[in-house]
Amino acid sequence: MFTTRTPFRMSFLGGGTDFPAYFNEYGGCVLSATFNKYSYVTVRELPALFDYKNQFTYSKIERFNSPDELEHPLVREALKYIDIDRVQIAYDADLPARSGIGSSSSFAVGLLNELHLLKGEKLSKMELAKEAIYLERVLCNEAGGVQDQLAVAFGGLNKITFDADGYKILPIEISHKSKKQFNENLLLVFTGFSHFSGEVSVAQQNNIPHKISELNEMKSLVTEGEKILVSGTDLDDFGKLLDYTWQLKRTLSDRISTDEIDELYSAARKAGALGGKILGAGSGGFMLLYVPQERRNDVENIFDPSRIIPFEFEDDGTKLIYGGGK
């Protein structure tokens, strides 16, 4: 039996430049971090004593003999790809799916890690990320970028670059004091509604040929944001940068924001947030806000307290937390 813990991620800058339709020609770059909310996947061999060969437990239980009988596309394609049988898989998470925090990729990376371990194979984090990208984007034919799989596999605060030759993970060297202050100035709030990222990503992807200048500018902001974090002299400038990149991101597709999101964001800005954005593809899920400490209470007061999620950055990425043999 194996259990993995894989973090969720928050992407700050450069989102949208991680689509192959853009980065294969222009090169892409994002700035993101993982935080201490996780997905958990447990996989074990299922004894040949049951009248079914496999089981997957998530929001429901699917028992099946052939992967083709599965409704869940990611698990179905993963089992066929890894070519493994007689397994019992269980999934759980700290935060809801379809909320912009890379939950699907977190699950994909953790699941692939364990299926390989069950077969006696140990993959590197880059190999896991690349397999998760292939699983989600090719085998499952889900629209989207490739930053999430890399972010959650490696963990940490990183600049991630993409081009036709591959991907690079470049950790951002920031002082402990600046990282702590940066963490404390971020507010993570659930909007109250989830989204189907694939639908939003399809619309955004179709618009890429018409949005090259906007994406080029969004990519350039990654370097600017990195300089702010590394210098640590005025982190509030990062909050203002988040506002600017959110305004750019909203122009990539009319599916990214909604009237409800715009109202929430406007209220947060009036209460003292310097900037923020919807995480992930958009249209729902989690909103990330940059709020100076002296205005934090004012901003928090406009939200339902149950929707404010305390968090801390984490550096581990996907991790085996239990391995008690097969």
C-alpha atoms as a PDB file:
ATOM      1  CA  MET A   1       0.000   0.000   0.000  1.00  0.00           C
ATOM      2  CA  PHE A   2       1.199   3.510  -0.858  1.00  0.00           C
ATOM      3  CA  THR A   3      -0.163   6.946   0.037  1.00  0.00           C
ATOM      4  CA  THR A   4       1.038  10.131  -1.620  1.00  0.00           C
ATOM      5  CA  ARG A   5       0.429  13.726  -0.636  1.00  0.00           C
ATOM      6  CA  THR A   6       0.570  16.249  -3.481  1.00  0.00           C
ATOM      7  CA  PRO A   7       0.130  19.998  -2.915  1.00  0.00           C
ATOM      8  CA  PHE A   8      -2.151  22.426  -4.668  1.00  0.00           C
ATOM      9  CA  ARG A   9      -0.689  25.476  -6.364  1.00  0.00           C
ATOM     10  CA  MET A  10      -1.387  29.160  -6.831  1.00  0.00           C
ATOM     11  CA  SER A  11      -0.199  30.808 -10.028  1.00  0.00           C
ATOM     12  CA  PHE A  12       0.695  34.481  -9.730  1.00  0.00           C
ATOM     13  CA  LEU A  13       1.968  35.647 -13.106  1.00  0.00           C
ATOM     14  CA  GLY A  14       2.319  34.377 -16.667  1.00  0.00           C
ATOM     15  CA  GLY A  15      -0.765  32.153 -16.772  1.00  0.00           C
ATOM     16  CA  GLY A  16      -1.815  31.493 -20.350  1.00  0.00           C
ATOM     17  CA  THR A  17       1.754  31.476 -21.663  1.00  0.00           C
ATOM     18  CA  ASP A  18       1.974  27.785 -20.707  1.00  0.00           C
ATOM     19  CA  PHE A  19      -0.287  26.727 -23.593  1.00  0.00           C
ATOM     20  CA  PRO A  20       1.725  24.885 -26.276  1.00  0.00           C
ATOM     21  CA  ALA A  21       0.031  26.937 -28.987  1.00  0.00           C
ATOM     22  CA  TYR A  22       1.827  29.958 -27.509  1.00  0.00           C
ATOM     23  CA  PHE A  23       5.075  28.718 -25.931  1.00  0.00           C
ATOM     24  CA  ASN A  24       6.167  26.468 -28.799  1.00  0.00           C
ATOM     25  CA  GLU A  25       6.674  29.632 -30.855  1.00  0.00           C
ATOM     26  CA  TYR A  26       7.262  32.402 -28.307  1.00  0.00           C
ATOM     27  CA  GLY A  27       8.405  30.642 -25.142  1.00  0.00           C
ATOM     28  CA  GLY A  28       6.360  30.829 -21.972  1.00  0.00           C
ATOM     29  CA  CYS A  29       7.027  31.631 -18.327  1.00  0.00           C
ATOM     30  CA  VAL A  30       4.995  31.552 -15.104  1.00  0.00           C
ATOM     31  CA  LEU A  31       5.594  32.392 -11.466  1.00  0.00           C
ATOM     32  CA  SER A  32       3.791  30.118  -9.028  1.00  0.00           C
ATOM     33  CA  ALA A  33       3.940  28.514  -5.588  1.00  0.00           C
ATOM     34  CA  THR A  34       2.575  25.437  -3.883  1.00  0.00           C
ATOM     35  CA  PHE A  35       0.872  25.686  -0.501  1.00  0.00           C
ATOM     36  CA  ASN A  36      -0.002  23.375   2.373  1.00  0.00           C
ATOM     37  CA  LYS A  37      -3.354  22.099   1.161  1.00  0.00           C
ATOM     38  CA  TYR A  38      -3.152  18.718  -0.522  1.00  0.00           C
ATOM     39  CA  SER A  39      -4.697  15.880  -2.428  1.00  0.00           C
ATOM     40  CA  TYR A  40      -4.161  12.398  -1.010  1.00  0.00           C
ATOM     41  CA  VAL A  41      -4.120   9.214  -3.063  1.00  0.00           C
ATOM     42  CA  THR A  42      -3.872   5.709  -1.655  1.00  0.00           C
ATOM     43  CA  VAL A  43      -3.253   2.718  -3.915  1.00  0.00           C
ATOM     44  CA  ARG A  44      -2.944  -0.943  -2.952  1.00  0.00           C
ATOM     45  CA  GLU A  45      -3.218  -4.288  -4.604  1.00  0.00           C
ATOM     46  CA  LEU A  46      -6.732  -5.727  -4.434  1.00  0.00           C
ATOM     47  CA  PRO A  47      -6.785  -9.412  -3.445  1.00  0.00           C
ATOM     48  CA  ALA A  48      -8.376 -11.799  -5.919  1.00  0.00           C
ATOM     49  CA  LEU A  49     -11.228 -12.538  -3.500  1.00  0.00           C
ATOM     50  CA  PHE A  50     -13.818 -10.118  -4.812  1.00  0.00           C
ATOM     51  CA  ASP A  51     -16.201 -10.407  -7.734  1.00  0.00           C
ATOM     52  CA  TYR A  52     -14.556  -7.339  -9.286  1.00  0.00           C
ATOM     53  CA  LYS A  53     -10.897  -6.664 -10.088  1.00  0.00           C
ATOM     54  CA  ASN A  54     -10.539  -2.969  -9.278  1.00  0.00           C
ATOM     55  CA  GLN A  55     -12.083  -0.207  -7.184  1.00  0.00           C
ATOM     56  CA  PHE A  56     -11.839   3.573  -7.215  1.00  0.00           C
ATOM     57  CA  THR A  57     -13.272   5.570  -4.302  1.00  0.00           C
ATOM     58  CA  TYR A  58     -13.778   9.340  -4.627  1.00  0.00           C
ATOM     59  CA  SER A  59     -17.130  11.181  -4.413  1.00  0.00           C
ATOM     60  CA  LYS A  60     -18.570   7.801  -5.295  1.00  0.00           C
ATOM     61  CA  ILE A  61     -17.345   4.223  -5.572  1.00  0.00           C
ATOM     62  CA  GLU A  62     -16.654   2.618  -8.936  1.00  0.00           C
ATOM     63  CA  ARG A  63     -16.010  -1.119  -9.026  1.00  0.00           C
ATOM     64  CA  PHE A  64     -14.915  -2.561 -12.335  1.00  0.00           C
ATOM     65  CA  ASN A  65     -13.023  -5.318 -14.094  1.00  0.00           C
ATOM     66  CA  SER A  66     -11.737  -3.411 -17.128  1.00  0.00           C
ATOM     67  CA  PRO A  67     -10.602   0.251 -17.058  1.00  0.00           C
ATOM     68  CA  ASP A  68     -12.931   0.887 -20.011  1.00  0.00           C
ATOM     69  CA  GLU A  69     -15.851   0.434 -17.604  1.00  0.00           C
ATOM     70  CA  LEU A  70     -14.745   3.452 -15.566  1.00  0.00           C
ATOM     71  CA  GLU A  71     -16.584   6.772 -15.755  1.00  0.00           C
ATOM     72  CA  HIS A  72     -13.656   8.774 -14.360  1.00  0.00           C
ATOM     73  CA  PRO A  73     -11.512   9.589 -17.425  1.00  0.00           C
ATOM     74  CA  LEU A  74      -8.231  10.332 -15.666  1.00  0.00           C
ATOM     75  CA  VAL A  75      -8.144   7.083 -13.696  1.00  0.00           C
ATOM     76  CA  ARG A  76      -9.400   5.107 -16.696  1.00  0.00           C
ATOM     77  CA  GLU A  77      -6.611   6.384 -18.940  1.00  0.00           C
ATOM     78  CA  ALA A  78      -3.951   6.128 -16.229  1.00  0.00           C
ATOM     79  CA  LEU A  79      -4.682   2.449 -15.613  1.00  0.00           C
ATOM     80  CA  LYS A  80      -4.576   1.713 -19.330  1.00  0.00           C
ATOM     81  CA  TYR A  81      -1.357   3.711 -19.762  1.00  0.00           C
ATOM     82  CA  ILE A  82       0.480   2.123 -16.826  1.00  0.00           C
ATOM     83  CA  ASP A  83      -1.050  -1.277 -17.672  1.00  0.00           C
ATOM     84  CA  ILE A  84      -1.841  -2.352 -14.141  1.00  0.00           C
ATOM     85  CA  ASP A  85      -4.673  -4.464 -12.792  1.00  0.00           C
ATOM     86  CA  ARG A  86      -6.184  -5.528  -9.465  1.00  0.00           C
ATOM     87  CA  VAL A  87      -5.807  -2.203  -7.669  1.00  0.00           C
ATOM     88  CA  GLN A  88      -7.821  -0.302  -5.127  1.00  0.00           C
ATOM     89  CA  ILE A  89      -7.518   3.496  -5.379  1.00  0.00           C
ATOM     90  CA  ALA A  90      -8.850   6.076  -2.925  1.00  0.00           C
ATOM     91  CA  TYR A  91      -8.800   9.861  -3.354  1.00  0.00           C
ATOM     92  CA  ASP A  92      -9.325  12.634  -0.809  1.00  0.00           C
ATOM     93  CA  ALA A  93      -8.431  16.329  -0.680  1.00  0.00           C
ATOM     94  CA  ASP A  94      -8.289  19.355   1.613  1.00  0.00           C
ATOM     95  CA  LEU A  95     -10.057  21.632  -0.886  1.00  0.00           C
ATOM     96  CA  PRO A  96     -12.782  21.122  -3.527  1.00  0.00           C
ATOM     97  CA  ALA A  97     -12.094  20.218  -7.126  1.00  0.00           C
ATOM     98  CA  ARG A  98     -12.724  22.573 -10.065  1.00  0.00           C
ATOM     99  CA  SER A  99     -11.558  25.573  -8.036  1.00  0.00           C
ATOM    100  CA  GLY A 100      -8.443  26.825  -9.862  1.00  0.00           C
ATOM    101  CA  ILE A 101      -5.770  25.351  -7.588  1.00  0.00           C
ATOM    102  CA  GLY A 102      -4.519  22.621  -9.911  1.00  0.00           C
ATOM    103  CA  SER A 103      -6.487  19.834  -8.200  1.00  0.00           C
ATOM    104  CA  SER A 104      -6.728  17.654 -11.316  1.00  0.00           C
ATOM    105  CA  SER A 105      -2.986  17.809 -11.913  1.00  0.00           C
ATOM    106  CA  SER A 106      -2.291  17.225  -8.223  1.00  0.00           C
ATOM    107  CA  PHE A 107      -4.361  14.044  -8.425  1.00  0.00           C
ATOM    108  CA  ALA A 108      -2.737  12.988 -11.696  1.00  0.00           C
ATOM    109  CA  VAL A 109       0.810  13.385 -10.364  1.00  0.00           C
ATOM    110  CA  GLY A 110       0.032  11.585  -7.101  1.00  0.00           C
ATOM    111  CA  LEU A 111      -1.800   8.739  -8.848  1.00  0.00           C
ATOM    112  CA  LEU A 112       0.942   8.145 -11.416  1.00  0.00           C
ATOM    113  CA  ASN A 113       3.558   8.209  -8.674  1.00  0.00           C
ATOM    114  CA  GLU A 114       1.777   5.429  -6.801  1.00  0.00           C
ATOM    115  CA  LEU A 115       0.921   3.250  -9.774  1.00  0.00           C
ATOM    116  CA  HIS A 116       4.585   3.222 -10.741  1.00  0.00           C
ATOM    117  CA  LEU A 117       5.621   2.482  -7.158  1.00  0.00           C
ATOM    118  CA  LEU A 118       3.189  -0.426  -7.053  1.00  0.00           C
ATOM    119  CA  LYS A 119       4.996  -1.821 -10.095  1.00  0.00           C
ATOM    120  CA  GLY A 120       8.381  -1.287  -8.417  1.00  0.00           C
ATOM    121  CA  GLU A 121       9.241   1.782 -10.509  1.00  0.00           C
ATOM    122  CA  LYS A 122      10.431   5.121  -9.114  1.00  0.00           C
ATOM    123  CA  LEU A 123      10.174   8.149 -11.405  1.00  0.00           C
ATOM    124  CA  SER A 124      11.826  11.537 -10.997  1.00  0.00           C
ATOM    125  CA  LYS A 125       9.632  14.574 -10.390  1.00  0.00           C
ATOM    126  CA  MET A 126      10.206  15.770 -13.946  1.00  0.00           C
ATOM    127  CA  GLU A 127       9.226  12.364 -15.321  1.00  0.00           C
ATOM    128  CA  LEU A 128       6.047  12.395 -13.211  1.00  0.00           C
ATOM    129  CA  ALA A 129       5.164  15.910 -14.366  1.00  0.00           C
ATOM    130  CA  LYS A 130       5.673  15.024 -18.026  1.00  0.00           C
ATOM    131  CA  GLU A 131       3.599  11.860 -17.679  1.00  0.00           C
ATOM    132  CA  ALA A 132       0.819  13.829 -15.967  1.00  0.00           C
ATOM    133  CA  ILE A 133       0.860  16.359 -18.814  1.00  0.00           C
ATOM    134  CA  TYR A 134       0.601  13.513 -21.323  1.00  0.00           C
ATOM    135  CA  LEU A 135      -2.183  11.867 -19.324  1.00  0.00           C
ATOM    136  CA  GLU A 136      -4.308  15.006 -19.001  1.00  0.00           C
ATOM    137  CA  ARG A 137      -3.638  16.779 -22.265  1.00  0.00           C
ATOM    138  CA  VAL A 138      -3.211  13.847 -24.686  1.00  0.00           C
ATOM    139  CA  LEU A 139      -4.821  10.696 -23.316  1.00  0.00           C
ATOM    140  CA  CYS A 140      -7.761  12.534 -21.708  1.00  0.00           C
ATOM    141  CA  ASN A 141      -7.766  15.256 -24.375  1.00  0.00           C
ATOM    142  CA  GLU A 142      -8.397  17.963 -21.782  1.00  0.00           C
ATOM    143  CA  ALA A 143      -7.666  21.535 -22.840  1.00  0.00           C
ATOM    144  CA  GLY A 144      -5.269  23.567 -20.745  1.00  0.00           C
ATOM    145  CA  GLY A 145      -1.696  24.538 -20.078  1.00  0.00           C
ATOM    146  CA  VAL A 146       1.194  22.581 -18.612  1.00  0.00           C
ATOM    147  CA  GLN A 147       2.221  24.606 -15.572  1.00  0.00           C
ATOM    148  CA  ASP A 148       0.137  22.807 -12.937  1.00  0.00           C
ATOM    149  CA  GLN A 149       1.707  19.380 -13.329  1.00  0.00           C
ATOM    150  CA  LEU A 150       5.218  20.828 -13.019  1.00  0.00           C
ATOM    151  CA  ALA A 151       4.342  23.067 -10.067  1.00  0.00           C
ATOM    152  CA  VAL A 152       2.771  20.340  -7.931  1.00  0.00           C
ATOM    153  CA  ALA A 153       5.378  17.713  -8.791  1.00  0.00           C
ATOM    154  CA  PHE A 154       8.303  19.904  -7.718  1.00  0.00           C
ATOM    155  CA  GLY A 155       6.748  22.159  -5.073  1.00  0.00           C
ATOM    156  CA  GLY A 156       8.074  25.509  -3.896  1.00  0.00           C
ATOM    157  CA  LEU A 157       8.092  29.088  -5.145  1.00  0.00           C
ATOM    158  CA  ASN A 158       9.320  28.875  -8.722  1.00  0.00           C
ATOM    159  CA  LYS A 159       9.676  30.485 -12.078  1.00  0.00           C
ATOM    160  CA  ILE A 160       8.798  27.813 -14.637  1.00  0.00           C
ATOM    161  CA  THR A 161       9.756  28.260 -18.281  1.00  0.00           C
ATOM    162  CA  PHE A 162       8.369  26.470 -21.329  1.00  0.00           C
ATOM    163  CA  ASP A 163       9.518  26.246 -24.919  1.00  0.00           C
ATOM    164  CA  ALA A 164       9.570  23.767 -27.776  1.00  0.00           C
ATOM    165  CA  ASP A 165      12.617  22.062 -26.230  1.00  0.00           C
ATOM    166  CA  GLY A 166      11.042  21.401 -22.820  1.00  0.00           C
ATOM    167  CA  TYR A 167      10.538  22.845 -19.343  1.00  0.00           C
ATOM    168  CA  LYS A 168      12.754  24.308 -16.614  1.00  0.00           C
ATOM    169  CA  ILE A 169      12.058  24.754 -12.903  1.00  0.00           C
ATOM    170  CA  LEU A 170      13.913  27.771 -11.518  1.00  0.00           C
ATOM    171  CA  PRO A 171      13.455  28.215  -7.729  1.00  0.00           C
ATOM    172  CA  ILE A 172      13.126  31.840  -6.663  1.00  0.00           C
ATOM    173  CA  GLU A 173      15.714  32.729  -4.027  1.00  0.00           C
ATOM    174  CA  ILE A 174      13.907  34.915  -1.509  1.00  0.00           C
ATOM    175  CA  SER A 175      14.795  35.682   2.103  1.00  0.00           C
ATOM    176  CA  HIS A 176      12.863  33.899   4.851  1.00  0.00           C
ATOM    177  CA  LYS A 177      11.614  37.270   6.128  1.00  0.00           C
ATOM    178  CA  SER A 178      10.328  38.388   2.708  1.00  0.00           C
ATOM    179  CA  LYS A 179       8.727  35.005   2.019  1.00  0.00           C
ATOM    180  CA  LYS A 180       6.932  35.104   5.375  1.00  0.00           C
ATOM    181  CA  GLN A 181       5.683  38.641   4.759  1.00  0.00           C
ATOM    182  CA  PHE A 182       4.598  37.754   1.224  1.00  0.00           C
ATOM    183  CA  ASN A 183       2.677  34.743   2.556  1.00  0.00           C
ATOM    184  CA  GLU A 184       1.005  36.840   5.260  1.00  0.00           C
ATOM    185  CA  ASN A 185      -0.091  39.484   2.747  1.00  0.00           C
ATOM    186  CA  LEU A 186      -1.952  36.961   0.585  1.00  0.00           C
ATOM    187  CA  LEU A 187      -5.598  36.137   1.211  1.00  0.00           C
ATOM    188  CA  LEU A 188      -7.158  33.015  -0.327  1.00  0.00           C
ATOM    189  CA  VAL A 189     -10.941  33.139  -0.638  1.00  0.00           C
ATOM    190  CA  PHE A 190     -13.396  30.658  -2.141  1.00  0.00           C
ATOM    191  CA  THR A 191     -15.869  32.475  -4.393  1.00  0.00           C
ATOM    192  CA  GLY A 192     -18.588  29.951  -3.625  1.00  0.00           C
ATOM    193  CA  PHE A 193     -18.869  28.484  -7.091  1.00  0.00           C
ATOM    194  CA  SER A 194     -16.685  26.069  -9.005  1.00  0.00           C
ATOM    195  CA  HIS A 195     -15.844  26.016 -12.698  1.00  0.00           C
ATOM    196  CA  PHE A 196     -15.154  23.644 -15.555  1.00  0.00           C
ATOM    197  CA  SER A 197     -11.640  24.710 -16.474  1.00  0.00           C
ATOM    198  CA  GLY A 198     -11.655  22.784 -19.747  1.00  0.00           C
ATOM    199  CA  GLU A 199     -14.459  24.895 -21.178  1.00  0.00           C
ATOM    200  CA  VAL A 200     -12.720  28.141 -20.197  1.00  0.00           C
ATOM    201  CA  SER A 201      -9.366  26.850 -21.467  1.00  0.00           C
ATOM    202  CA  VAL A 202     -10.832  25.944 -24.868  1.00  0.00           C
ATOM    203  CA  ALA A 203     -12.121  29.493 -25.330  1.00  0.00           C
ATOM    204  CA  GLN A 204      -8.786  30.954 -24.203  1.00  0.00           C
ATOM    205  CA  GLN A 205      -6.804  28.592 -26.416  1.00  0.00           C
ATOM    206  CA  ASN A 206      -8.867  29.482 -29.457  1.00  0.00           C
ATOM    207  CA  ASN A 207      -8.112  33.159 -28.864  1.00  0.00           C
ATOM    208  CA  ILE A 208      -4.317  32.764 -28.626  1.00  0.00           C
ATOM    209  CA  PRO A 209      -3.569  33.853 -32.230  1.00  0.00           C
ATOM    210  CA  HIS A 210      -5.415  37.121 -31.523  1.00  0.00           C
ATOM    211  CA  LYS A 211      -3.855  37.760 -28.097  1.00  0.00           C
ATOM    212  CA  ILE A 212      -0.107  37.447 -28.715  1.00  0.00           C
ATOM    213  CA  SER A 213       0.733  40.982 -27.567  1.00  0.00           C
ATOM    214  CA  GLU A 214      -1.229  40.524 -24.314  1.00  0.00           C
ATOM    215  CA  LEU A 215       0.453  37.181 -23.639  1.00  0.00           C
ATOM    216  CA  ASN A 216       3.881  38.659 -24.392  1.00  0.00           C
ATOM    217  CA  GLU A 217       3.235  41.358 -21.813  1.00  0.00           C
ATOM    218  CA  MET A 218       1.947  38.855 -19.261  1.00  0.00           C
ATOM    219  CA  LYS A 219       5.132  36.844 -19.740  1.00  0.00           C
ATOM    220  CA  SER A 220       7.303  39.926 -19.193  1.00  0.00           C
ATOM    221  CA  LEU A 221       5.584  40.553 -15.860  1.00  0.00           C
ATOM    222  CA  VAL A 222       7.078  37.317 -14.491  1.00  0.00           C
ATOM    223  CA  THR A 223      10.562  38.836 -14.535  1.00  0.00           C
ATOM    224  CA  GLU A 224       9.262  42.018 -12.929  1.00  0.00           C
ATOM    225  CA  GLY A 225       7.493  40.033 -10.210  1.00  0.00           C
ATOM    226  CA  GLU A 226      10.578  37.930  -9.544  1.00  0.00           C
ATOM    227  CA  LYS A 227      12.680  41.072  -9.056  1.00  0.00           C
ATOM    228  CA  ILE A 228      10.188  42.431  -6.513  1.00  0.00           C
ATOM    229  CA  LEU A 229      10.210  39.202  -4.496  1.00  0.00           C
ATOM    230  CA  VAL A 230      13.982  38.768  -4.579  1.00  0.00           C
ATOM    231  CA  SER A 231      14.685  42.384  -3.577  1.00  0.00           C
ATOM    232  CA  GLY A 232      12.034  42.286  -0.819  1.00  0.00           C
ATOM    233  CA  THR A 233      12.143  46.083  -0.588  1.00  0.00           C
ATOM    234  CA  ASP A 234       8.517  46.841  -1.433  1.00  0.00           C
ATOM    235  CA  LEU A 235       6.359  43.747  -1.666  1.00  0.00           C
ATOM    236  CA  ASP A 236       3.264  45.898  -2.086  1.00  0.00           C
ATOM    237  CA  ASP A 237       4.411  46.437  -5.665  1.00  0.00           C
ATOM    238  CA  PHE A 238       3.710  42.745  -6.223  1.00  0.00           C
ATOM    239  CA  GLY A 239       0.101  43.319  -5.213  1.00  0.00           C
ATOM    240  CA  LYS A 240      -0.213  46.087  -7.769  1.00  0.00           C
ATOM    241  CA  LEU A 241       1.328  43.782 -10.357  1.00  0.00           C
ATOM    242  CA  LEU A 242      -1.334  41.160  -9.594  1.00  0.00           C
ATOM    243  CA  ASP A 243      -4.036  43.714 -10.320  1.00  0.00           C
ATOM    244  CA  TYR A 244      -2.403  44.652 -13.608  1.00  0.00           C
ATOM    245  CA  THR A 245      -2.012  41.032 -14.750  1.00  0.00           C
ATOM    246  CA  TRP A 246      -5.626  40.270 -13.771  1.00  0.00           C
ATOM    247  CA  GLN A 247      -6.836  43.096 -15.995  1.00  0.00           C
ATOM    248  CA  LEU A 248      -4.746  41.642 -18.836  1.00  0.00           C
ATOM    249  CA  LYS A 249      -5.944  38.106 -18.190  1.00  0.00           C
ATOM    250  CA  ARG A 250      -9.598  39.202 -18.338  1.00  0.00           C
ATOM    251  CA  THR A 251      -9.059  40.264 -21.956  1.00  0.00           C
ATOM    252  CA  LEU A 252      -7.931  36.785 -23.084  1.00  0.00           C
ATOM    253  CA  SER A 253     -11.503  35.462 -23.110  1.00  0.00           C
ATOM    254  CA  ASP A 254     -14.952  36.627 -22.056  1.00  0.00           C
ATOM    255  CA  ARG A 255     -15.249  33.336 -20.116  1.00  0.00           C
ATOM    256  CA  ILE A 256     -12.504  34.176 -17.597  1.00  0.00           C
ATOM    257  CA  SER A 257     -14.492  36.515 -15.348  1.00  0.00           C
ATOM    258  CA  THR A 258     -18.150  36.962 -14.467  1.00  0.00           C
ATOM    259  CA  ASP A 259     -20.274  39.775 -13.054  1.00  0.00           C
ATOM    260  CA  GLU A 260     -20.189  38.077  -9.637  1.00  0.00           C
ATOM    261  CA  ILE A 261     -16.384  37.803  -9.688  1.00  0.00           C
ATOM    262  CA  ASP A 262     -16.010  41.410 -10.803  1.00  0.00           C
ATOM    263  CA  GLU A 263     -18.245  42.560  -7.942  1.00  0.00           C
ATOM    264  CA  LEU A 264     -16.298  40.563  -5.356  1.00  0.00           C
ATOM    265  CA  TYR A 265     -12.970  41.811  -6.676  1.00  0.00           C
ATOM    266  CA  SER A 266     -14.154  45.419  -6.773  1.00  0.00           C
ATOM    267  CA  ALA A 267     -15.381  45.187  -3.175  1.00  0.00           C
ATOM    268  CA  ALA A 268     -12.047  43.728  -2.056  1.00  0.00           C
ATOM    269  CA  ARG A 269     -10.138  46.515  -3.793  1.00  0.00           C
ATOM    270  CA  LYS A 270     -12.322  49.177  -2.170  1.00  0.00           C
ATOM    271  CA  ALA A 271     -11.711  47.561   1.212  1.00  0.00           C
ATOM    272  CA  GLY A 272      -7.934  47.741   0.782  1.00  0.00           C
ATOM    273  CA  ALA A 273      -6.657  44.904  -1.399  1.00  0.00           C
ATOM    274  CA  LEU A 274      -3.915  46.162  -3.725  1.00  0.00           C
ATOM    275  CA  GLY A 275      -4.556  43.464  -6.309  1.00  0.00           C
ATOM    276  CA  GLY A 276      -5.519  39.886  -6.938  1.00  0.00           C
ATOM    277  CA  LYS A 277      -6.870  37.415  -9.446  1.00  0.00           C
ATOM    278  CA  ILE A 278      -8.983  34.351  -9.930  1.00  0.00           C
ATOM    279  CA  LEU A 279      -6.771  31.288  -9.767  1.00  0.00           C
ATOM    280  CA  GLY A 280      -6.700  28.818 -12.613  1.00  0.00           C
ATOM    281  CA  ALA A 281      -8.636  29.151 -15.834  1.00  0.00           C
ATOM    282  CA  GLY A 282     -11.206  31.538 -14.379  1.00  0.00           C
ATOM    283  CA  SER A 283     -15.001  31.878 -14.058  1.00  0.00           C
ATOM    284  CA  GLY A 284     -15.028  30.604 -10.469  1.00  0.00           C
ATOM    285  CA  GLY A 285     -13.075  28.789  -7.798  1.00  0.00           C
ATOM    286  CA  PHE A 286     -10.579  30.570  -5.550  1.00  0.00           C
ATOM    287  CA  MET A 287      -9.719  34.258  -5.569  1.00  0.00           C
ATOM    288  CA  LEU A 288      -6.240  35.259  -4.431  1.00  0.00           C
ATOM    289  CA  LEU A 289      -5.828  38.768  -3.020  1.00  0.00           C
ATOM    290  CA  TYR A 290      -2.797  40.773  -1.947  1.00  0.00           C
ATOM    291  CA  VAL A 291      -3.705  42.734   1.175  1.00  0.00           C
ATOM    292  CA  PRO A 292      -1.350  44.817   3.358  1.00  0.00           C
ATOM    293  CA  GLN A 293      -1.641  43.763   6.989  1.00  0.00           C
ATOM    294  CA  GLU A 294      -3.177  47.044   8.118  1.00  0.00           C
ATOM    295  CA  ARG A 295      -6.136  46.496   5.758  1.00  0.00           C
ATOM    296  CA  ARG A 296      -6.564  42.745   6.204  1.00  0.00           C
ATOM    297  CA  ASN A 297      -9.472  42.947   8.668  1.00  0.00           C
ATOM    298  CA  ASP A 298     -11.344  45.347   6.380  1.00  0.00           C
ATOM    299  CA  VAL A 299     -10.991  42.996   3.416  1.00  0.00           C
ATOM    300  CA  GLU A 300     -11.790  39.846   5.386  1.00  0.00           C
ATOM    301  CA  ASN A 301     -14.991  41.441   6.682  1.00  0.00           C
ATOM    302  CA  ILE A 302     -16.562  41.503   3.205  1.00  0.00           C
ATOM    303  CA  PHE A 303     -16.342  37.699   2.904  1.00  0.00           C
ATOM    304  CA  ASP A 304     -17.999  34.793   4.670  1.00  0.00           C
ATOM    305  CA  PRO A 305     -15.305  33.690   7.194  1.00  0.00           C
ATOM    306  CA  SER A 306     -15.833  30.037   6.262  1.00  0.00           C
ATOM    307  CA  ARG A 307     -14.620  30.812   2.724  1.00  0.00           C
ATOM    308  CA  ILE A 308     -11.279  32.284   3.829  1.00  0.00           C
ATOM    309  CA  ILE A 309      -8.584  29.589   3.711  1.00  0.00           C
ATOM    310  CA  PRO A 310      -5.463  30.057   5.878  1.00  0.00           C
ATOM    311  CA  PHE A 311      -2.371  28.627   4.221  1.00  0.00           C
ATOM    312  CA  GLU A 312       1.409  28.533   4.212  1.00  0.00           C
ATOM    313  CA  PHE A 313       3.794  27.984   1.319  1.00  0.00           C
ATOM    314  CA  GLU A 314       5.314  24.508   1.042  1.00  0.00           C
ATOM    315  CA  ASP A 315       8.449  23.241  -0.701  1.00  0.00           C
ATOM    316  CA  ASP A 316       8.094  19.457  -0.965  1.00  0.00           C
ATOM    317  CA  GLY A 317       5.913  18.870  -4.006  1.00  0.00           C
ATOM    318  CA  THR A 318       4.492  15.387  -4.431  1.00  0.00           C
ATOM    319  CA  LYS A 319       5.614  13.144  -1.603  1.00  0.00           C
ATOM    320  CA  LEU A 320       5.218   9.539  -0.527  1.00  0.00           C
ATOM    321  CA  ILE A 321       3.935   9.716   3.055  1.00  0.00           C
ATOM    322  CA  TYR A 322       3.272   6.022   3.546  1.00  0.00           C
ATOM    323  CA  GLY A 323       4.765   2.998   1.880  1.00  0.00           C
ATOM    324  CA  GLY A 324       4.098  -0.220   3.704  1.00  0.00           C
ATOM    325  CA  GLY A 325       4.916  -2.606   0.917  1.00  0.00           C
ATOM    326  CA  LYS A 326       2.401  -3.990  -1.532  1.00  0.00           C
END
